[in-house]
């Protein structure tokens, strides 16, 4: 469910509902309503959430379970190092 994804990611970032609300310029009650599946965000807010959390909108909507790491701005060599680290961790 959408609310579960938002809460999972928010807590992984170690943010409170208030902190996430401040980052998105919404009320804490709005974040709480999302997490409790009382309401869904607008399309614009869904996109802002995906950018804030560096995940796809499909991931937030539980349409795709793949997770990504933002590597924009890194060199090709740095990206290769990160990919190798991920590969090594997956093998353990």
Protein backbone atom coordinates (compact mmCIF):
# COMPACT_ATOMS: atom_id res chain seq x y z
CA UNK A 1 0.00 0.00 0.00
CA UNK A 2 1.08 3.56 -0.66
CA UNK A 3 1.08 4.60 2.99
CA UNK A 4 3.31 1.70 3.97
CA UNK A 5 5.87 2.69 1.33
CA UNK A 6 5.92 6.31 2.45
CA UNK A 7 6.33 5.36 6.10
CA UNK A 8 9.04 2.78 5.33
CA UNK A 9 11.10 5.22 3.29
CA UNK A 10 10.55 8.12 5.69
CA UNK A 11 11.72 6.08 8.67
CA UNK A 12 14.69 4.75 6.67
CA UNK A 13 15.73 8.39 6.22
CA UNK A 14 15.20 8.76 9.98
CA UNK A 15 12.74 11.61 9.39
CA UNK A 16 9.66 12.36 11.46
CA UNK A 17 6.35 13.11 9.81
CA UNK A 18 6.93 16.75 10.71
CA UNK A 19 10.33 16.78 8.99
CA UNK A 20 8.93 15.24 5.81
CA UNK A 21 6.02 17.67 5.88
CA UNK A 22 8.43 20.60 6.14
CA UNK A 23 10.50 19.32 3.20
CA UNK A 24 7.36 19.08 1.06
CA UNK A 25 5.70 22.22 2.43
CA UNK A 26 2.60 20.34 3.60
CA UNK A 27 1.11 19.75 7.04
CA UNK A 28 2.08 16.90 9.34
CA UNK A 29 -1.57 15.82 9.13
CA UNK A 30 -1.21 15.42 5.35
CA UNK A 31 1.77 13.08 5.80
CA UNK A 32 -0.14 11.18 8.49
CA UNK A 33 -3.14 10.82 6.17
CA UNK A 34 -0.91 9.46 3.40
CA UNK A 35 0.71 6.95 5.74
CA UNK A 36 -2.67 5.82 7.07
CA UNK A 37 -4.01 5.45 3.51
CA UNK A 38 -6.75 7.99 4.20
CA UNK A 39 -5.85 10.07 1.15
CA UNK A 40 -3.50 9.89 -1.81
CA UNK A 41 -1.29 12.79 -2.87
CA UNK A 42 -1.90 14.76 -6.03
CA UNK A 43 0.13 13.79 -9.08
CA UNK A 44 2.36 16.82 -8.53
CA UNK A 45 2.98 15.81 -4.90
CA UNK A 46 3.59 12.19 -5.92
CA UNK A 47 6.35 13.42 -8.22
CA UNK A 48 7.78 15.61 -5.44
CA UNK A 49 7.76 12.61 -3.09
CA UNK A 50 9.58 10.48 -5.65
CA UNK A 51 12.26 13.16 -6.06
CA UNK A 52 12.56 13.69 -2.30
CA UNK A 53 13.03 9.97 -1.69
CA UNK A 54 14.95 9.24 -4.94
CA UNK A 55 12.52 6.50 -5.92
CA UNK A 56 10.18 6.08 -8.87
CA UNK A 57 6.52 6.95 -8.71
CA UNK A 58 5.84 3.33 -9.66
CA UNK A 59 7.74 2.22 -6.56
CA UNK A 60 5.67 4.54 -4.35
CA UNK A 61 2.47 3.20 -5.91
CA UNK A 62 3.62 -0.43 -5.45
CA UNK A 63 3.60 -1.00 -9.22
CA UNK A 64 7.31 -1.82 -9.28
CA UNK A 65 9.41 -3.20 -6.45
CA UNK A 66 12.77 -2.32 -7.97
CA UNK A 67 14.82 0.17 -5.99
CA UNK A 68 17.40 2.55 -7.41
CA UNK A 69 20.35 4.56 -6.17
CA UNK A 70 20.82 8.09 -7.48
CA UNK A 71 24.25 8.38 -9.11
CA UNK A 72 23.80 11.58 -11.07
CA UNK A 73 26.98 13.65 -10.95
CA UNK A 74 29.30 10.73 -10.26
CA UNK A 75 32.03 9.75 -12.67
CA UNK A 76 31.80 6.51 -14.63
CA UNK A 77 34.53 5.01 -12.44
CA UNK A 78 32.63 5.95 -9.27
CA UNK A 79 29.48 4.36 -10.70
CA UNK A 80 31.39 1.16 -11.47
CA UNK A 81 32.73 1.07 -7.89
CA UNK A 82 29.22 1.44 -6.51
CA UNK A 83 27.90 -1.27 -8.83
CA UNK A 84 30.69 -3.61 -7.73
CA UNK A 85 29.93 -2.91 -4.06
CA UNK A 86 26.25 -3.68 -4.65
CA UNK A 87 27.18 -6.88 -6.47
CA UNK A 88 29.47 -7.95 -3.61
CA UNK A 89 26.75 -7.27 -1.01
CA UNK A 90 24.15 -9.23 -2.97
CA UNK A 91 26.44 -12.27 -3.09
CA UNK A 92 26.82 -12.37 0.71
